[in-house]
Amino acid sequence: MGKHRRPDHWSRRAAERDYPARSVFKLEEIDRRLGLLGSGDRVLDLGCSPGSWLKYASERVGEAGVVVGVDLVPPRIPLPGNARFLRADVLEVSAREIGATTFDVVLSDMAPSTSGDALVDQERSWELLGGAMRIALAVLVPGGRFAGKLFFSPRHVEAVATLEPRFQAVRTIRPRATRAASREVFVVGLGFRP
């Protein structure tokens, strides 16, 4: 179980901007650096609770876009008009259940409940990223983008090796809003090649 942390600079900024979690600034940085989201995009947000990524993505894609959030726990925010929520286990959900045939962007900020055992937590993180990559490869349009979180470990090499043949470029980013003690990184695929 995670420790209760005092609000930091990022948490306070998130609250000021009406986001439920500081993680919004991780997505914002990835988006700013790599051009992840655009107006009119169809976005799939895997593990969308508490809703910061879902809200940010819905703002970026605008009224012409759509965001579908999938999680076992509903977002803690009112759903924006261009978003919908599906209660499901990402490791078990099918592309058909998600309800859209294709997406321009697939996002995953999923993290396991931590056990305190670094190796166990890394493997659980890898399992979640693997589920996100499986879905992304099934639903992305040509040229689509993917960003998924992973607790850094030797599995990072596997994640990159899985994505490289299917994307024009693969990048690893550790956003500034990541806590100093965290081992998380984001693996990003740009330019999906079906």
N, C-alpha and C. Protein backbone atom coordinates (compact mmCIF):
# COMPACT_ATOMS: atom_id res chain seq x y z
N MET A 1 0.83 -1.17 0.00
CA MET A 1 0.00 0.00 0.00
C MET A 1 0.89 1.24 0.00
N GLY A 2 0.52 2.26 -0.83
CA GLY A 2 1.33 3.46 -0.93
C GLY A 2 1.20 4.34 0.30
N LYS A 3 2.25 5.10 0.56
CA LYS A 3 2.23 6.03 1.69
C LYS A 3 1.46 7.29 1.30
N HIS A 4 0.81 7.89 2.29
CA HIS A 4 0.16 9.18 2.05
C HIS A 4 1.26 10.23 1.92
N ARG A 5 1.20 10.98 0.84
CA ARG A 5 2.22 11.99 0.60
C ARG A 5 1.63 13.38 0.76
N ARG A 6 2.46 14.28 1.26
CA ARG A 6 2.03 15.67 1.37
C ARG A 6 1.95 16.27 -0.03
N PRO A 7 1.00 17.17 -0.25
CA PRO A 7 0.90 17.82 -1.55
C PRO A 7 2.21 18.55 -1.89
N ASP A 8 2.67 18.37 -3.10
CA ASP A 8 3.86 19.06 -3.55
C ASP A 8 3.46 20.10 -4.60
N HIS A 9 4.44 20.71 -5.22
CA HIS A 9 4.22 21.74 -6.24
C HIS A 9 3.26 21.25 -7.33
N TRP A 10 3.49 20.02 -7.82
CA TRP A 10 2.68 19.48 -8.91
C TRP A 10 1.25 19.20 -8.44
N SER A 11 1.10 18.67 -7.24
CA SER A 11 -0.23 18.39 -6.70
C SER A 11 -1.03 19.68 -6.52
N ARG A 12 -0.37 20.71 -6.03
CA ARG A 12 -1.05 21.99 -5.84
C ARG A 12 -1.45 22.60 -7.19
N ARG A 13 -0.58 22.51 -8.16
CA ARG A 13 -0.91 23.02 -9.51
C ARG A 13 -2.09 22.27 -10.11
N ALA A 14 -2.12 20.94 -9.92
CA ALA A 14 -3.23 20.13 -10.44
C ALA A 14 -4.54 20.58 -9.80
N ALA A 15 -4.53 20.78 -8.48
CA ALA A 15 -5.74 21.22 -7.78
C ALA A 15 -6.19 22.60 -8.27
N GLU A 16 -5.24 23.48 -8.50
CA GLU A 16 -5.57 24.83 -8.99
C GLU A 16 -6.24 24.77 -10.36
N ARG A 17 -5.86 23.78 -11.16
CA ARG A 17 -6.42 23.66 -12.51
C ARG A 17 -7.57 22.65 -12.58
N ASP A 18 -8.06 22.21 -11.42
CA ASP A 18 -9.20 21.29 -11.33
C ASP A 18 -8.95 19.90 -11.92
N TYR A 19 -7.73 19.43 -11.78
CA TYR A 19 -7.41 18.05 -12.14
C TYR A 19 -7.31 17.23 -10.86
N PRO A 20 -7.80 15.99 -10.86
CA PRO A 20 -7.77 15.20 -9.64
C PRO A 20 -6.40 14.66 -9.25
N ALA A 21 -5.43 14.71 -10.14
CA ALA A 21 -4.11 14.15 -9.81
C ALA A 21 -3.00 14.89 -10.56
N ARG A 22 -1.83 14.87 -9.96
CA ARG A 22 -0.64 15.53 -10.51
C ARG A 22 -0.16 14.88 -11.80
N SER A 23 -0.62 13.67 -12.07
CA SER A 23 -0.18 12.94 -13.27
C SER A 23 -0.48 13.69 -14.56
N VAL A 24 -1.41 14.64 -14.52
CA VAL A 24 -1.74 15.41 -15.72
C VAL A 24 -0.49 16.07 -16.30
N PHE A 25 0.43 16.48 -15.44
CA PHE A 25 1.61 17.20 -15.93
C PHE A 25 2.60 16.26 -16.62
N LYS A 26 2.52 14.98 -16.33
CA LYS A 26 3.34 14.00 -17.06
C LYS A 26 2.84 13.90 -18.50
N LEU A 27 1.52 13.75 -18.64
CA LEU A 27 0.95 13.67 -19.99
C LEU A 27 1.15 14.98 -20.74
N GLU A 28 0.97 16.10 -20.06
CA GLU A 28 1.15 17.40 -20.71
C GLU A 28 2.56 17.54 -21.26
N GLU A 29 3.57 17.11 -20.49
CA GLU A 29 4.95 17.20 -20.96
C GLU A 29 5.20 16.27 -22.15
N ILE A 30 4.72 15.04 -22.07
CA ILE A 30 4.89 14.10 -23.19
C ILE A 30 4.23 14.67 -24.43
N ASP A 31 3.02 15.20 -24.28
CA ASP A 31 2.29 15.78 -25.40
C ASP A 31 3.05 16.97 -25.98
N ARG A 32 3.53 17.85 -25.12
CA ARG A 32 4.26 19.04 -25.59
C ARG A 32 5.54 18.65 -26.33
N ARG A 33 6.26 17.67 -25.80
CA ARG A 33 7.53 17.29 -26.41
C ARG A 33 7.37 16.49 -27.70
N LEU A 34 6.32 15.67 -27.78
CA LEU A 34 6.21 14.74 -28.91
C LEU A 34 4.97 14.92 -29.78
N GLY A 35 4.12 15.87 -29.45
CA GLY A 35 2.92 16.09 -30.26
C GLY A 35 1.99 14.89 -30.25
N LEU A 36 1.69 14.41 -29.07
CA LEU A 36 0.92 13.19 -28.91
C LEU A 36 -0.55 13.34 -29.29
N LEU A 37 -1.15 14.46 -28.90
CA LEU A 37 -2.59 14.65 -29.07
C LEU A 37 -2.88 15.82 -30.00
N GLY A 38 -3.96 15.69 -30.78
CA GLY A 38 -4.34 16.76 -31.68
C GLY A 38 -5.84 16.91 -31.77
N SER A 39 -6.27 18.02 -32.29
CA SER A 39 -7.69 18.31 -32.45
C SER A 39 -8.36 17.22 -33.29
N GLY A 40 -9.50 16.74 -32.81
CA GLY A 40 -10.27 15.73 -33.54
C GLY A 40 -9.82 14.30 -33.33
N ASP A 41 -8.77 14.08 -32.56
CA ASP A 41 -8.27 12.72 -32.33
C ASP A 41 -9.29 11.88 -31.56
N ARG A 42 -9.26 10.58 -31.84
CA ARG A 42 -9.99 9.59 -31.05
C ARG A 42 -8.96 8.96 -30.11
N VAL A 43 -9.21 9.07 -28.80
CA VAL A 43 -8.23 8.68 -27.79
C VAL A 43 -8.81 7.60 -26.88
N LEU A 44 -8.00 6.58 -26.62
CA LEU A 44 -8.35 5.53 -25.68
C LEU A 44 -7.45 5.69 -24.46
N ASP A 45 -8.04 5.93 -23.29
CA ASP A 45 -7.30 6.15 -22.05
C ASP A 45 -7.49 4.92 -21.16
N LEU A 46 -6.48 4.06 -21.11
CA LEU A 46 -6.54 2.82 -20.35
C LEU A 46 -6.11 3.07 -18.91
N GLY A 47 -6.92 2.65 -17.96
CA GLY A 47 -6.63 2.94 -16.56
C GLY A 47 -6.88 4.40 -16.27
N CYS A 48 -8.03 4.90 -16.69
CA CYS A 48 -8.29 6.35 -16.72
C CYS A 48 -8.55 6.99 -15.36
N SER A 49 -8.85 6.21 -14.34
CA SER A 49 -9.14 6.81 -13.04
C SER A 49 -7.85 7.34 -12.40
N PRO A 50 -7.84 8.47 -11.75
CA PRO A 50 -8.98 9.27 -11.30
C PRO A 50 -9.54 10.24 -12.33
N GLY A 51 -8.90 10.41 -13.48
CA GLY A 51 -9.49 11.21 -14.54
C GLY A 51 -8.66 12.36 -15.07
N SER A 52 -7.46 12.59 -14.54
CA SER A 52 -6.64 13.71 -15.02
C SER A 52 -6.27 13.56 -16.49
N TRP A 53 -5.82 12.35 -16.89
CA TRP A 53 -5.44 12.16 -18.29
C TRP A 53 -6.67 12.25 -19.18
N LEU A 54 -7.79 11.70 -18.74
CA LEU A 54 -9.02 11.75 -19.52
C LEU A 54 -9.45 13.20 -19.75
N LYS A 55 -9.41 14.01 -18.70
CA LYS A 55 -9.80 15.41 -18.82
C LYS A 55 -8.85 16.17 -19.74
N TYR A 56 -7.54 15.98 -19.54
CA TYR A 56 -6.56 16.68 -20.38
C TYR A 56 -6.75 16.29 -21.85
N ALA A 57 -6.88 14.99 -22.11
CA ALA A 57 -7.04 14.51 -23.50
C ALA A 57 -8.31 15.08 -24.11
N SER A 58 -9.39 15.13 -23.36
CA SER A 58 -10.64 15.65 -23.90
C SER A 58 -10.52 17.13 -24.26
N GLU A 59 -9.77 17.88 -23.47
CA GLU A 59 -9.53 19.29 -23.77
C GLU A 59 -8.69 19.44 -25.04
N ARG A 60 -7.68 18.60 -25.18
CA ARG A 60 -6.77 18.69 -26.33
C ARG A 60 -7.45 18.28 -27.64
N VAL A 61 -8.32 17.28 -27.61
CA VAL A 61 -8.94 16.82 -28.86
C VAL A 61 -10.14 17.67 -29.24
N GLY A 62 -10.69 18.41 -28.29
CA GLY A 62 -11.80 19.31 -28.58
C GLY A 62 -13.10 18.59 -28.89
N GLU A 63 -14.09 19.39 -29.29
CA GLU A 63 -15.44 18.85 -29.54
C GLU A 63 -15.46 17.87 -30.70
N ALA A 64 -14.54 18.01 -31.63
CA ALA A 64 -14.51 17.10 -32.78
C ALA A 64 -13.90 15.75 -32.44
N GLY A 65 -13.22 15.66 -31.30
CA GLY A 65 -12.59 14.41 -30.89
C GLY A 65 -13.43 13.65 -29.90
N VAL A 66 -12.93 12.48 -29.52
CA VAL A 66 -13.62 11.66 -28.53
C VAL A 66 -12.57 10.95 -27.68
N VAL A 67 -12.89 10.78 -26.40
CA VAL A 67 -12.01 10.07 -25.48
C VAL A 67 -12.82 8.96 -24.81
N VAL A 68 -12.30 7.75 -24.85
CA VAL A 68 -12.92 6.63 -24.17
C VAL A 68 -11.99 6.22 -23.04
N GLY A 69 -12.49 6.27 -21.81
CA GLY A 69 -11.72 5.87 -20.64
C GLY A 69 -12.14 4.49 -20.19
N VAL A 70 -11.16 3.64 -19.87
CA VAL A 70 -11.43 2.28 -19.40
C VAL A 70 -10.72 2.09 -18.06
N ASP A 71 -11.45 1.59 -17.08
CA ASP A 71 -10.86 1.31 -15.77
C ASP A 71 -11.86 0.49 -14.97
N LEU A 72 -11.38 -0.11 -13.89
CA LEU A 72 -12.27 -0.79 -12.94
C LEU A 72 -12.94 0.21 -12.01
N VAL A 73 -12.30 1.39 -11.85
CA VAL A 73 -12.80 2.43 -10.95
C VAL A 73 -13.20 3.64 -11.79
N PRO A 74 -14.42 4.16 -11.61
CA PRO A 74 -14.83 5.32 -12.40
C PRO A 74 -13.99 6.56 -12.08
N PRO A 75 -13.85 7.46 -13.04
CA PRO A 75 -13.13 8.71 -12.80
C PRO A 75 -13.80 9.50 -11.68
N ARG A 76 -13.00 10.32 -10.99
CA ARG A 76 -13.52 11.16 -9.91
C ARG A 76 -13.97 12.53 -10.41
N ILE A 77 -14.07 12.67 -11.70
CA ILE A 77 -14.48 13.94 -12.29
C ILE A 77 -15.75 13.72 -13.11
N PRO A 78 -16.54 14.77 -13.32
CA PRO A 78 -17.66 14.63 -14.26
C PRO A 78 -17.08 14.38 -15.65
N LEU A 79 -17.68 13.49 -16.40
CA LEU A 79 -17.18 13.20 -17.74
C LEU A 79 -17.39 14.39 -18.66
N PRO A 80 -16.34 14.81 -19.38
CA PRO A 80 -16.52 15.86 -20.38
C PRO A 80 -17.49 15.38 -21.46
N GLY A 81 -18.08 16.32 -22.18
CA GLY A 81 -19.08 15.98 -23.20
C GLY A 81 -18.57 15.07 -24.30
N ASN A 82 -17.27 15.12 -24.57
CA ASN A 82 -16.72 14.31 -25.66
C ASN A 82 -16.06 13.03 -25.13
N ALA A 83 -16.41 12.63 -23.90
CA ALA A 83 -15.78 11.44 -23.30
C ALA A 83 -16.84 10.46 -22.82
N ARG A 84 -16.46 9.20 -22.79
CA ARG A 84 -17.32 8.19 -22.17
C ARG A 84 -16.44 7.22 -21.39
N PHE A 85 -17.06 6.52 -20.46
CA PHE A 85 -16.34 5.62 -19.56
C PHE A 85 -16.86 4.20 -19.70
N LEU A 86 -15.94 3.24 -19.73
CA LEU A 86 -16.28 1.82 -19.75
C LEU A 86 -15.64 1.17 -18.53
N ARG A 87 -16.46 0.59 -17.66
CA ARG A 87 -15.92 -0.11 -16.49
C ARG A 87 -15.51 -1.51 -16.95
N ALA A 88 -14.20 -1.75 -16.94
CA ALA A 88 -13.68 -3.04 -17.39
C ALA A 88 -12.25 -3.22 -16.92
N ASP A 89 -11.82 -4.46 -16.88
CA ASP A 89 -10.43 -4.80 -16.57
C ASP A 89 -9.63 -4.72 -17.86
N VAL A 90 -8.65 -3.86 -17.90
CA VAL A 90 -7.87 -3.65 -19.12
C VAL A 90 -7.19 -4.95 -19.57
N LEU A 91 -6.83 -5.80 -18.63
CA LEU A 91 -6.17 -7.05 -19.00
C LEU A 91 -7.13 -8.06 -19.61
N GLU A 92 -8.43 -7.80 -19.52
CA GLU A 92 -9.41 -8.75 -20.04
C GLU A 92 -10.31 -8.17 -21.12
N VAL A 93 -10.36 -6.86 -21.27
CA VAL A 93 -11.28 -6.22 -22.20
C VAL A 93 -10.84 -6.48 -23.65
N SER A 94 -11.83 -6.60 -24.53
CA SER A 94 -11.53 -6.79 -25.95
C SER A 94 -11.75 -5.48 -26.69
N ALA A 95 -11.18 -5.39 -27.87
CA ALA A 95 -11.36 -4.19 -28.70
C ALA A 95 -12.85 -4.00 -28.99
N ARG A 96 -13.59 -5.07 -29.19
CA ARG A 96 -15.01 -4.98 -29.48
C ARG A 96 -15.78 -4.37 -28.30
N GLU A 97 -15.43 -4.75 -27.08
CA GLU A 97 -16.10 -4.20 -25.90
C GLU A 97 -15.84 -2.70 -25.76
N ILE A 98 -14.69 -2.25 -26.18
CA ILE A 98 -14.36 -0.83 -26.07
C ILE A 98 -15.30 0.00 -26.93
N GLY A 99 -15.77 -0.57 -28.03
CA GLY A 99 -16.85 0.06 -28.77
C GLY A 99 -16.46 0.95 -29.92
N ALA A 100 -15.20 1.19 -30.15
CA ALA A 100 -14.78 1.96 -31.32
C ALA A 100 -13.85 1.05 -32.12
N THR A 101 -13.89 1.19 -33.41
CA THR A 101 -13.06 0.31 -34.22
C THR A 101 -11.60 0.72 -34.21
N THR A 102 -11.35 2.03 -34.22
CA THR A 102 -9.96 2.49 -34.26
C THR A 102 -9.78 3.75 -33.43
N PHE A 103 -8.52 3.98 -33.04
CA PHE A 103 -8.16 5.17 -32.27
C PHE A 103 -6.88 5.76 -32.86
N ASP A 104 -6.75 7.08 -32.71
CA ASP A 104 -5.53 7.76 -33.13
C ASP A 104 -4.45 7.67 -32.06
N VAL A 105 -4.88 7.61 -30.79
CA VAL A 105 -3.95 7.61 -29.66
C VAL A 105 -4.45 6.63 -28.60
N VAL A 106 -3.52 5.85 -28.05
CA VAL A 106 -3.82 4.99 -26.89
C VAL A 106 -2.87 5.42 -25.77
N LEU A 107 -3.45 5.71 -24.61
CA LEU A 107 -2.70 6.15 -23.44
C LEU A 107 -2.85 5.14 -22.31
N SER A 108 -1.79 4.97 -21.53
CA SER A 108 -1.88 4.11 -20.35
C SER A 108 -0.99 4.68 -19.25
N ASP A 109 -1.63 5.14 -18.18
CA ASP A 109 -0.91 5.59 -16.99
C ASP A 109 -1.13 4.57 -15.87
N MET A 110 -1.41 3.33 -16.24
CA MET A 110 -1.71 2.30 -15.25
C MET A 110 -0.48 1.94 -14.43
N ALA A 111 -0.74 1.73 -13.14
CA ALA A 111 0.31 1.27 -12.23
C ALA A 111 -0.32 0.25 -11.29
N PRO A 112 0.44 -0.77 -10.92
CA PRO A 112 -0.10 -1.77 -10.00
C PRO A 112 -0.14 -1.24 -8.58
N SER A 113 -0.96 -1.87 -7.76
CA SER A 113 -0.86 -1.62 -6.32
C SER A 113 0.50 -2.16 -5.91
N THR A 114 1.30 -1.33 -5.29
CA THR A 114 2.66 -1.76 -4.97
C THR A 114 2.69 -2.63 -3.73
N SER A 115 3.62 -3.58 -3.75
CA SER A 115 3.74 -4.57 -2.67
C SER A 115 4.90 -4.25 -1.73
N GLY A 116 5.82 -3.39 -2.19
CA GLY A 116 7.04 -3.15 -1.43
C GLY A 116 8.20 -3.99 -1.92
N ASP A 117 7.91 -4.99 -2.74
CA ASP A 117 8.93 -5.84 -3.35
C ASP A 117 9.16 -5.32 -4.76
N ALA A 118 10.32 -4.71 -5.01
CA ALA A 118 10.58 -4.05 -6.29
C ALA A 118 10.41 -4.99 -7.48
N LEU A 119 10.90 -6.23 -7.37
CA LEU A 119 10.80 -7.17 -8.49
C LEU A 119 9.35 -7.53 -8.79
N VAL A 120 8.57 -7.76 -7.75
CA VAL A 120 7.15 -8.07 -7.93
C VAL A 120 6.44 -6.90 -8.57
N ASP A 121 6.69 -5.69 -8.07
CA ASP A 121 6.04 -4.50 -8.61
C ASP A 121 6.43 -4.25 -10.06
N GLN A 122 7.69 -4.49 -10.40
CA GLN A 122 8.14 -4.32 -11.79
C GLN A 122 7.42 -5.30 -12.71
N GLU A 123 7.25 -6.54 -12.27
CA GLU A 123 6.56 -7.54 -13.10
C GLU A 123 5.08 -7.19 -13.26
N ARG A 124 4.48 -6.71 -12.19
CA ARG A 124 3.07 -6.30 -12.29
C ARG A 124 2.92 -5.11 -13.24
N SER A 125 3.85 -4.19 -13.18
CA SER A 125 3.84 -3.05 -14.08
C SER A 125 4.01 -3.51 -15.53
N TRP A 126 4.91 -4.46 -15.75
CA TRP A 126 5.12 -5.02 -17.09
C TRP A 126 3.84 -5.68 -17.61
N GLU A 127 3.12 -6.39 -16.73
CA GLU A 127 1.88 -7.04 -17.14
C GLU A 127 0.86 -6.00 -17.61
N LEU A 128 0.74 -4.90 -16.87
CA LEU A 128 -0.19 -3.84 -17.26
C LEU A 128 0.22 -3.19 -18.58
N LEU A 129 1.50 -2.90 -18.73
CA LEU A 129 1.97 -2.30 -19.99
C LEU A 129 1.74 -3.28 -21.14
N GLY A 130 1.99 -4.56 -20.90
CA GLY A 130 1.75 -5.56 -21.94
C GLY A 130 0.31 -5.57 -22.40
N GLY A 131 -0.63 -5.48 -21.45
CA GLY A 131 -2.05 -5.40 -21.81
C GLY A 131 -2.35 -4.16 -22.62
N ALA A 132 -1.77 -3.04 -22.23
CA ALA A 132 -1.98 -1.79 -22.96
C ALA A 132 -1.41 -1.87 -24.37
N MET A 133 -0.22 -2.46 -24.51
CA MET A 133 0.38 -2.60 -25.84
C MET A 133 -0.46 -3.52 -26.71
N ARG A 134 -0.99 -4.61 -26.13
CA ARG A 134 -1.83 -5.54 -26.89
C ARG A 134 -3.03 -4.81 -27.47
N ILE A 135 -3.69 -4.01 -26.65
CA ILE A 135 -4.86 -3.27 -27.12
C ILE A 135 -4.45 -2.23 -28.15
N ALA A 136 -3.37 -1.49 -27.89
CA ALA A 136 -2.92 -0.45 -28.82
C ALA A 136 -2.65 -1.04 -30.20
N LEU A 137 -1.97 -2.17 -30.26
CA LEU A 137 -1.65 -2.77 -31.55
C LEU A 137 -2.90 -3.25 -32.28
N ALA A 138 -3.98 -3.49 -31.53
CA ALA A 138 -5.23 -3.95 -32.15
C ALA A 138 -6.12 -2.80 -32.63
N VAL A 139 -6.00 -1.61 -32.02
CA VAL A 139 -6.97 -0.55 -32.32
C VAL A 139 -6.39 0.71 -32.95
N LEU A 140 -5.08 0.87 -33.00
CA LEU A 140 -4.50 2.10 -33.55
C LEU A 140 -4.64 2.18 -35.07
N VAL A 141 -4.90 3.38 -35.55
CA VAL A 141 -4.91 3.64 -36.99
C VAL A 141 -3.47 3.78 -37.48
N PRO A 142 -3.22 3.61 -38.78
CA PRO A 142 -1.88 3.88 -39.29
C PRO A 142 -1.46 5.30 -38.91
N GLY A 143 -0.24 5.44 -38.41
CA GLY A 143 0.27 6.73 -37.97
C GLY A 143 -0.10 7.06 -36.53
N GLY A 144 -0.83 6.18 -35.85
CA GLY A 144 -1.28 6.43 -34.48
C GLY A 144 -0.14 6.49 -33.48
N ARG A 145 -0.48 6.93 -32.27
CA ARG A 145 0.51 7.12 -31.21
C ARG A 145 0.11 6.35 -29.95
N PHE A 146 1.13 5.92 -29.20
CA PHE A 146 0.92 5.17 -27.96
C PHE A 146 1.86 5.71 -26.89
N ALA A 147 1.35 5.84 -25.66
CA ALA A 147 2.20 6.20 -24.52
C ALA A 147 1.76 5.34 -23.33
N GLY A 148 2.71 4.59 -22.76
CA GLY A 148 2.38 3.72 -21.64
C GLY A 148 3.44 3.77 -20.56
N LYS A 149 2.98 3.66 -19.31
CA LYS A 149 3.87 3.71 -18.15
C LYS A 149 4.43 2.34 -17.82
N LEU A 150 5.68 2.34 -17.36
CA LEU A 150 6.36 1.13 -16.93
C LEU A 150 7.29 1.47 -15.78
N PHE A 151 7.29 0.64 -14.73
CA PHE A 151 8.31 0.79 -13.70
C PHE A 151 9.61 0.30 -14.31
N PHE A 152 10.61 1.16 -14.36
CA PHE A 152 11.85 0.85 -15.07
C PHE A 152 12.49 -0.41 -14.51
N SER A 153 12.86 -1.31 -15.42
CA SER A 153 13.48 -2.60 -15.08
C SER A 153 14.05 -3.15 -16.38
N PRO A 154 14.65 -4.33 -16.35
CA PRO A 154 15.11 -4.93 -17.60
C PRO A 154 13.97 -5.13 -18.61
N ARG A 155 12.73 -5.16 -18.13
CA ARG A 155 11.58 -5.30 -19.04
C ARG A 155 11.45 -4.10 -19.99
N HIS A 156 12.08 -2.98 -19.63
CA HIS A 156 12.05 -1.81 -20.51
C HIS A 156 12.59 -2.17 -21.90
N VAL A 157 13.65 -2.97 -21.94
CA VAL A 157 14.23 -3.38 -23.21
C VAL A 157 13.20 -4.17 -24.02
N GLU A 158 12.44 -5.04 -23.36
CA GLU A 158 11.39 -5.81 -24.03
C GLU A 158 10.30 -4.91 -24.56
N ALA A 159 9.91 -3.92 -23.77
CA ALA A 159 8.86 -3.00 -24.22
C ALA A 159 9.29 -2.27 -25.49
N VAL A 160 10.50 -1.75 -25.49
CA VAL A 160 11.01 -1.05 -26.67
C VAL A 160 11.10 -2.01 -27.86
N ALA A 161 11.58 -3.22 -27.62
CA ALA A 161 11.71 -4.21 -28.70
C ALA A 161 10.35 -4.61 -29.27
N THR A 162 9.32 -4.60 -28.43
CA THR A 162 7.97 -4.92 -28.90
C THR A 162 7.43 -3.80 -29.78
N LEU A 163 7.71 -2.57 -29.42
CA LEU A 163 7.15 -1.43 -30.15
C LEU A 163 7.95 -1.04 -31.39
N GLU A 164 9.26 -1.19 -31.37
CA GLU A 164 10.09 -0.68 -32.47
C GLU A 164 9.68 -1.18 -33.85
N PRO A 165 9.36 -2.46 -34.02
CA PRO A 165 8.98 -2.89 -35.38
C PRO A 165 7.64 -2.32 -35.84
N ARG A 166 6.82 -1.83 -34.90
CA ARG A 166 5.47 -1.41 -35.23
C ARG A 166 5.28 0.11 -35.27
N PHE A 167 6.33 0.86 -34.89
CA PHE A 167 6.23 2.32 -34.88
C PHE A 167 7.44 2.91 -35.59
N GLN A 168 7.25 4.07 -36.20
CA GLN A 168 8.35 4.76 -36.87
C GLN A 168 9.41 5.21 -35.88
N ALA A 169 8.97 5.59 -34.67
CA ALA A 169 9.91 6.04 -33.63
C ALA A 169 9.40 5.60 -32.27
N VAL A 170 10.33 5.23 -31.40
CA VAL A 170 10.00 4.86 -30.02
C VAL A 170 10.90 5.68 -29.10
N ARG A 171 10.29 6.33 -28.11
CA ARG A 171 11.02 7.16 -27.18
C ARG A 171 10.69 6.74 -25.75
N THR A 172 11.63 6.95 -24.85
CA THR A 172 11.40 6.75 -23.42
C THR A 172 11.54 8.09 -22.74
N ILE A 173 10.54 8.45 -21.94
CA ILE A 173 10.52 9.75 -21.29
C ILE A 173 10.26 9.57 -19.80
N ARG A 174 11.00 10.31 -19.02
CA ARG A 174 10.74 10.42 -17.58
C ARG A 174 10.36 11.87 -17.32
N PRO A 175 9.04 12.16 -17.26
CA PRO A 175 8.61 13.56 -17.11
C PRO A 175 9.09 14.19 -15.81
N ARG A 176 9.23 15.50 -15.83
CA ARG A 176 9.70 16.24 -14.65
C ARG A 176 8.77 16.09 -13.46
N ALA A 177 7.46 15.88 -13.70
CA ALA A 177 6.50 15.76 -12.61
C ALA A 177 6.56 14.39 -11.91
N THR A 178 7.42 13.50 -12.37
CA THR A 178 7.57 12.20 -11.73
C THR A 178 8.27 12.39 -10.38
N ARG A 179 7.75 11.73 -9.36
CA ARG A 179 8.36 11.84 -8.03
C ARG A 179 9.80 11.30 -8.07
N ALA A 180 10.69 11.91 -7.32
CA ALA A 180 12.10 11.54 -7.33
C ALA A 180 12.31 10.07 -6.98
N ALA A 181 11.51 9.54 -6.07
CA ALA A 181 11.67 8.15 -5.64
C ALA A 181 11.06 7.14 -6.60
N SER A 182 10.29 7.62 -7.58
CA SER A 182 9.59 6.71 -8.50
C SER A 182 10.53 6.14 -9.56
N ARG A 183 10.27 4.91 -9.95
CA ARG A 183 11.03 4.24 -11.01
C ARG A 183 10.28 4.28 -12.34
N GLU A 184 9.19 5.04 -12.41
CA GLU A 184 8.37 5.01 -13.62
C GLU A 184 8.98 5.80 -14.77
N VAL A 185 8.77 5.25 -15.96
CA VAL A 185 9.10 5.92 -17.22
C VAL A 185 7.92 5.70 -18.15
N PHE A 186 7.88 6.45 -19.23
CA PHE A 186 6.84 6.28 -20.23
C PHE A 186 7.50 5.89 -21.55
N VAL A 187 6.98 4.82 -22.13
CA VAL A 187 7.45 4.35 -23.42
C VAL A 187 6.44 4.85 -24.45
N VAL A 188 6.93 5.57 -25.45
CA VAL A 188 6.05 6.25 -26.41
C VAL A 188 6.37 5.76 -27.81
N GLY A 189 5.34 5.33 -28.52
CA GLY A 189 5.47 4.95 -29.93
C GLY A 189 4.80 5.98 -30.80
N LEU A 190 5.48 6.43 -31.84
CA LEU A 190 4.97 7.42 -32.77
C LEU A 190 4.94 6.87 -34.17
N GLY A 191 3.83 7.08 -34.89
CA GLY A 191 3.76 6.64 -36.28
C GLY A 191 3.52 5.14 -36.39
N PHE A 192 2.36 4.67 -35.93
CA PHE A 192 2.05 3.24 -35.94
C PHE A 192 2.06 2.68 -37.36
N ARG A 193 2.69 1.51 -37.50
CA ARG A 193 2.74 0.80 -38.77
C ARG A 193 2.04 -0.54 -38.59
N PRO A 194 0.77 -0.64 -39.04
CA PRO A 194 0.02 -1.90 -38.85
C PRO A 194 0.70 -3.08 -39.53
